[in-house]
């Protein structure tokens, strides 16, 4: 089958078998085109709770599929490719957070959504890059322990000067690859371009940006801006999507290292196979994990709006 024929088969099967397909924006354009809902972690988390389909496919990574399951315990939730993990989520676990809580009893533990369901059991509230600042500002406690991404945490800290922060030294290997020299070279090559970056990048990188924000925020900024050229400091798929949505503008990837290999393992065939009744992995969470991890997720939705 051609790509178009495979997409048509998927669209036909998902309707026939009552499936909703969620696709993170880091997926390729061919996957976004067959998805029912697309966006970043926060948007998909909220949207997943509203879908009426009894079966949900997450074209993303494992922690995202777990979050969908937490919000939809009565639905069958499938991860498109069982190999799609998240290096950041593997950097911290529940035992580590429990130890940090003992060492910092006066701190509210704020956890980036890029973490496992088991890890979320030990935190007070979950945040995403698009909701972190709003949620932290809404926390009554002025002492924040931010895990696991210290780069995102420091970006939030700058916007919440009335609070005291402590960090866990974790982060996204993909976004941390961006170097100052690459930005300077890109700006020299494209002097009229605005530099847009994800706050998972190093603080010295976000400091050079014309705009720093979530994946959805970057795309919204570029689409609504009157500028015509943009240097993009996040996963390369965003350049692809923006160029497709805004053919009158130009987008340049700041670094060839901006590839999330875990996102890229998902293919149309993975999704097709799940719809045929095999392949993928259904997400199963124990009652204990499902109950305890849902509390900070619901807190995220409450404070994040």
Protein backbone atom coordinates (compact mmCIF):
# COMPACT_ATOMS: atom_id res chain seq x y z
CA UNK A 1 0.00 0.00 0.00
CA UNK A 2 1.01 3.58 -0.53
CA UNK A 3 1.09 5.96 2.44
CA UNK A 4 -2.21 7.48 1.34
CA UNK A 5 -3.85 4.05 0.99
CA UNK A 6 -2.60 3.04 4.44
CA UNK A 7 -3.94 6.26 5.93
CA UNK A 8 -7.34 5.63 4.33
CA UNK A 9 -7.42 2.09 5.77
CA UNK A 10 -6.60 3.43 9.25
CA UNK A 11 -9.31 6.10 9.04
CA UNK A 12 -11.85 3.48 7.97
CA UNK A 13 -10.88 1.00 10.68
CA UNK A 14 -10.77 3.50 13.55
CA UNK A 15 -14.33 4.54 12.82
CA UNK A 16 -15.52 0.96 12.42
CA UNK A 17 -13.89 -0.19 15.68
CA UNK A 18 -14.53 2.93 17.79
CA UNK A 19 -10.93 4.09 18.20
CA UNK A 20 -9.65 7.57 18.93
CA UNK A 21 -6.08 8.29 17.80
CA UNK A 22 -4.04 10.80 19.79
CA UNK A 23 -0.83 12.04 18.22
CA UNK A 24 1.86 14.11 19.88
CA UNK A 25 3.16 16.96 17.74
CA UNK A 26 6.58 15.30 17.51
CA UNK A 27 5.11 12.59 15.31
CA UNK A 28 5.53 12.84 11.55
CA UNK A 29 3.04 14.62 9.33
CA UNK A 30 1.73 11.31 7.98
CA UNK A 31 0.60 10.34 11.51
CA UNK A 32 -0.89 13.70 12.41
CA UNK A 33 -3.04 13.47 9.30
CA UNK A 34 -4.88 10.36 10.58
CA UNK A 35 -5.13 11.49 14.21
CA UNK A 36 -8.35 12.65 15.85
CA UNK A 37 -6.51 14.90 18.28
CA UNK A 38 -3.02 16.37 18.12
CA UNK A 39 -0.99 18.59 20.42
CA UNK A 40 1.44 18.55 23.33
CA UNK A 41 1.29 16.51 26.52
CA UNK A 42 -1.06 18.84 28.37
CA UNK A 43 -3.53 19.28 25.53
CA UNK A 44 -3.70 15.56 24.87
CA UNK A 45 -4.07 14.79 28.59
CA UNK A 46 -7.15 16.98 28.85
CA UNK A 47 -8.57 15.90 25.48
CA UNK A 48 -8.18 12.24 26.38
CA UNK A 49 -10.56 12.70 29.30
CA UNK A 50 -13.24 14.06 26.97
CA UNK A 51 -13.17 11.47 24.19
CA UNK A 52 -16.17 9.16 24.00
CA UNK A 53 -14.36 6.39 22.11
CA UNK A 54 -13.96 3.15 24.05
CA UNK A 55 -10.50 2.53 22.56
CA UNK A 56 -7.63 5.03 22.45
CA UNK A 57 -4.30 4.81 20.63
CA UNK A 58 -1.47 7.05 21.80
CA UNK A 59 0.99 7.85 19.04
CA UNK A 60 3.61 9.13 21.43
CA UNK A 61 5.69 7.68 24.25
CA UNK A 62 4.89 5.49 27.24
CA UNK A 63 4.32 8.13 29.92
CA UNK A 64 1.76 9.79 27.64
CA UNK A 65 -0.15 6.55 27.17
CA UNK A 66 -0.07 5.99 30.94
CA UNK A 67 -1.52 9.46 31.50
CA UNK A 68 -4.32 8.73 29.05
CA UNK A 69 -5.07 5.50 30.92
CA UNK A 70 -5.10 7.32 34.27
CA UNK A 71 -7.73 9.70 32.93
CA UNK A 72 -9.66 6.96 31.13
CA UNK A 73 -9.64 3.90 33.41
CA UNK A 74 -12.65 2.35 31.67
CA UNK A 75 -11.15 2.62 28.19
CA UNK A 76 -8.68 0.38 26.38
CA UNK A 77 -5.55 2.47 25.89
CA UNK A 78 -2.79 1.36 23.54
CA UNK A 79 0.77 2.59 23.09
CA UNK A 80 1.49 2.44 19.36
CA UNK A 81 5.02 1.08 19.76
CA UNK A 82 6.10 -0.61 23.02
CA UNK A 83 9.68 0.62 22.47
CA UNK A 84 8.63 4.28 22.67
CA UNK A 85 9.90 5.37 26.06
CA UNK A 86 11.25 8.64 27.43
CA UNK A 87 14.84 9.00 28.70
CA UNK A 88 13.80 11.79 31.05
CA UNK A 89 11.07 9.66 32.59
CA UNK A 90 13.69 7.00 33.32
CA UNK A 91 15.92 9.46 35.20
CA UNK A 92 13.81 9.46 38.36
CA UNK A 93 11.56 7.01 40.20
CA UNK A 94 9.15 6.94 43.12
CA UNK A 95 11.79 5.83 45.62
CA UNK A 96 14.03 8.79 44.75
CA UNK A 97 11.17 11.26 45.16
CA UNK A 98 10.17 9.77 48.51
CA UNK A 99 13.75 10.27 49.69
CA UNK A 100 13.74 13.87 48.41
CA UNK A 101 10.49 14.50 50.26
CA UNK A 102 12.03 13.28 53.49
CA UNK A 103 14.98 15.64 52.98
CA UNK A 104 12.72 18.59 52.04
CA UNK A 105 9.53 18.22 54.11
CA UNK A 106 8.50 21.85 53.67
CA UNK A 107 8.57 21.75 49.87
CA UNK A 108 5.73 21.05 47.45
CA UNK A 109 6.87 18.45 44.92
CA UNK A 110 6.09 19.57 41.38
CA UNK A 111 6.70 16.89 38.77
CA UNK A 112 6.98 17.33 35.01
CA UNK A 113 4.52 15.12 33.15
CA UNK A 114 7.52 13.39 31.50
CA UNK A 115 7.55 10.77 34.27
CA UNK A 116 6.12 7.31 34.83
CA UNK A 117 2.75 6.67 36.44
CA UNK A 118 4.51 5.01 39.37
CA UNK A 119 6.68 8.10 39.90
CA UNK A 120 3.64 10.37 39.86
CA UNK A 121 2.27 8.53 42.88
CA UNK A 122 4.82 10.28 45.11
CA UNK A 123 4.35 13.91 43.96
CA UNK A 124 1.94 16.70 44.85
CA UNK A 125 1.12 18.03 41.39
CA UNK A 126 2.06 17.28 37.78
CA UNK A 127 2.80 20.02 35.25
CA UNK A 128 3.55 20.28 31.55
CA UNK A 129 5.67 22.89 29.81
CA UNK A 130 2.52 24.80 28.80
CA UNK A 131 0.97 24.77 32.26
CA UNK A 132 3.98 24.80 34.64
CA UNK A 133 4.19 28.54 35.28
CA UNK A 134 0.45 28.95 35.85
CA UNK A 135 0.31 25.94 38.17
CA UNK A 136 3.36 26.89 40.23
CA UNK A 137 2.00 30.43 40.66
CA UNK A 138 -1.24 28.90 41.92
CA UNK A 139 0.48 26.79 44.60
CA UNK A 140 0.11 28.40 48.04
CA UNK A 141 3.43 27.09 49.31
CA UNK A 142 6.41 29.30 48.40
CA UNK A 143 8.86 26.38 48.43
CA UNK A 144 8.96 24.27 45.28
CA UNK A 145 10.91 21.06 44.61
CA UNK A 146 10.84 20.68 40.82
CA UNK A 147 11.53 17.25 39.26
CA UNK A 148 12.95 15.83 37.05
CA UNK A 149 13.82 18.54 34.47
CA UNK A 150 16.00 21.21 36.06
CA UNK A 151 16.11 23.24 32.83
CA UNK A 152 12.35 23.59 32.64
CA UNK A 153 12.38 24.17 36.40
CA UNK A 154 14.80 27.09 36.14
CA UNK A 155 12.72 28.59 33.33
CA UNK A 156 9.68 28.43 35.64
CA UNK A 157 11.73 29.85 38.51
CA UNK A 158 12.52 33.02 36.54
CA UNK A 159 8.80 33.65 36.13
CA UNK A 160 7.96 32.91 39.76
CA UNK A 161 10.42 35.16 41.67
CA UNK A 162 8.37 35.03 44.86
CA UNK A 163 9.07 31.30 45.33
CA UNK A 164 12.13 29.33 46.42
CA UNK A 165 13.13 26.42 44.18
CA UNK A 166 15.15 23.26 44.51
CA UNK A 167 15.83 20.98 41.52
CA UNK A 168 16.58 17.41 40.58
CA UNK A 169 19.35 17.26 37.98
CA UNK A 170 17.43 15.68 35.12
CA UNK A 171 16.55 16.82 31.63
CA UNK A 172 15.72 16.04 28.02
CA UNK A 173 18.74 14.67 26.09
CA UNK A 174 17.31 15.94 22.82
CA UNK A 175 16.73 19.57 23.82
CA UNK A 176 19.96 19.69 25.81
CA UNK A 177 21.91 19.11 22.59
CA UNK A 178 21.29 22.67 21.39
CA UNK A 179 24.47 24.73 21.63
CA UNK A 180 25.04 28.49 21.62
CA UNK A 181 27.31 28.22 18.59
CA UNK A 182 24.50 26.62 16.57
CA UNK A 183 22.15 29.48 17.38
CA UNK A 184 24.71 32.09 16.46
CA UNK A 185 25.39 30.32 13.16
CA UNK A 186 21.66 30.04 12.41
CA UNK A 187 21.10 33.72 13.18
CA UNK A 188 24.02 34.67 10.95
CA UNK A 189 22.56 32.62 8.11
CA UNK A 190 19.03 33.93 8.72
CA UNK A 191 19.37 37.39 10.30
CA UNK A 192 15.66 38.22 10.03
CA UNK A 193 14.48 34.98 11.68
CA UNK A 194 13.03 34.79 15.18
CA UNK A 195 14.47 32.09 17.44
CA UNK A 196 11.78 29.93 19.13
CA UNK A 197 12.85 27.32 21.67
CA UNK A 198 11.43 24.80 24.10
CA UNK A 199 12.24 25.48 27.80
CA UNK A 200 13.71 21.98 28.16
CA UNK A 201 16.80 23.52 26.55
CA UNK A 202 19.67 24.79 28.72
CA UNK A 203 19.07 28.16 30.46
CA UNK A 204 21.77 29.85 28.35
CA UNK A 205 19.83 28.76 25.26
CA UNK A 206 16.40 29.96 26.38
CA UNK A 207 18.01 33.28 27.30
CA UNK A 208 18.85 33.78 23.61
CA UNK A 209 15.29 33.12 22.41
CA UNK A 210 12.76 35.54 21.05
CA UNK A 211 10.17 33.15 22.43
CA UNK A 212 10.47 30.17 24.80
CA UNK A 213 7.51 27.92 25.41
CA UNK A 214 5.78 24.61 24.93
CA UNK A 215 5.49 22.83 21.60
CA UNK A 216 1.97 24.18 21.15
CA UNK A 217 3.13 27.63 22.21
CA UNK A 218 5.93 27.63 19.64
CA UNK A 219 3.55 26.63 16.87
CA UNK A 220 0.95 29.22 17.89
CA UNK A 221 3.58 31.97 18.04
CA UNK A 222 4.93 31.14 14.59
CA UNK A 223 1.48 30.93 13.00
CA UNK A 224 0.22 34.19 14.49
CA UNK A 225 3.42 36.22 14.10
CA UNK A 226 3.77 38.76 11.30
CA UNK A 227 7.39 37.62 10.90
CA UNK A 228 8.17 35.35 7.97
CA UNK A 229 11.24 33.41 9.14
CA UNK A 230 11.83 31.32 12.24
CA UNK A 231 14.67 29.28 13.72
CA UNK A 232 13.11 26.37 15.62
CA UNK A 233 14.69 24.95 18.76
CA UNK A 234 12.64 21.83 19.36
CA UNK A 235 12.02 18.43 17.74
CA UNK A 236 12.45 18.51 13.97
CA UNK A 237 8.86 17.42 13.31
CA UNK A 238 7.70 20.88 14.34
CA UNK A 239 9.53 22.39 11.38
CA UNK A 240 7.72 19.92 9.12
CA UNK A 241 4.29 20.75 10.57
CA UNK A 242 4.81 24.50 10.56
CA UNK A 243 6.02 24.48 6.98
CA UNK A 244 2.92 22.51 5.97
CA UNK A 245 0.59 24.86 7.87
CA UNK A 246 2.35 28.08 6.86
CA UNK A 247 3.66 27.67 3.27
CA UNK A 248 4.22 31.42 3.02
CA UNK A 249 6.77 31.36 5.87
CA UNK A 250 10.20 29.76 6.29
CA UNK A 251 11.33 27.55 9.16
CA UNK A 252 14.88 26.45 9.97
CA UNK A 253 15.91 23.73 12.42
CA UNK A 254 18.64 25.06 14.70
CA UNK A 255 20.38 21.70 15.13
CA UNK A 256 20.41 18.37 13.31
CA UNK A 257 20.56 16.73 16.74
CA UNK A 258 16.95 17.67 17.49
CA UNK A 259 15.48 14.25 16.82
CA UNK A 260 13.54 12.33 19.47
CA UNK A 261 14.26 8.76 18.46
CA UNK A 262 11.62 7.42 20.83
CA UNK A 263 8.94 9.42 19.06
CA UNK A 264 10.23 8.38 15.67
CA UNK A 265 9.86 4.62 16.29
CA UNK A 266 6.09 4.93 15.83
CA UNK A 267 4.89 4.27 12.30
CA UNK A 268 1.58 4.17 10.47
CA UNK A 269 1.96 0.40 10.35
CA UNK A 270 2.10 0.27 14.16
CA UNK A 271 -1.25 2.04 14.35
CA UNK A 272 -2.71 -0.08 11.56
CA UNK A 273 -1.69 -3.31 13.30
CA UNK A 274 -3.42 -2.28 16.53
CA UNK A 275 -6.61 -1.65 14.58
CA UNK A 276 -6.28 -5.13 13.05
CA UNK A 277 -6.12 -6.62 16.54
CA UNK A 278 -2.43 -7.19 17.11
CA UNK A 279 0.71 -5.18 17.75
CA UNK A 280 1.20 -2.25 20.09
CA UNK A 281 0.75 -2.62 23.83
CA UNK A 282 -2.34 -2.14 25.93
CA UNK A 283 -1.54 -0.07 29.02
CA UNK A 284 -2.52 -1.88 32.20
CA UNK A 285 -2.08 -0.14 35.56
CA UNK A 286 -2.65 -1.64 38.98
CA UNK A 287 -5.49 -0.19 41.06
CA UNK A 288 -2.96 1.23 43.51
CA UNK A 289 -0.95 3.03 40.82
CA UNK A 290 -4.08 4.23 39.01
CA UNK A 291 -5.59 5.70 42.17
CA UNK A 292 -2.48 7.36 43.62
CA UNK A 293 -1.09 8.71 40.34
CA UNK A 294 -4.42 10.23 39.33
CA UNK A 295 -4.44 12.64 42.27
CA UNK A 296 -1.58 14.90 41.05
CA UNK A 297 -2.90 14.62 37.47
CA UNK A 298 -6.29 15.93 38.57
CA UNK A 299 -4.51 18.68 40.49
CA UNK A 300 -2.76 19.65 37.25
CA UNK A 301 -6.09 19.95 35.45
CA UNK A 302 -7.61 21.88 38.35
CA UNK A 303 -4.81 24.45 38.55
CA UNK A 304 -3.92 24.47 34.85
CA UNK A 305 -7.41 25.12 33.56
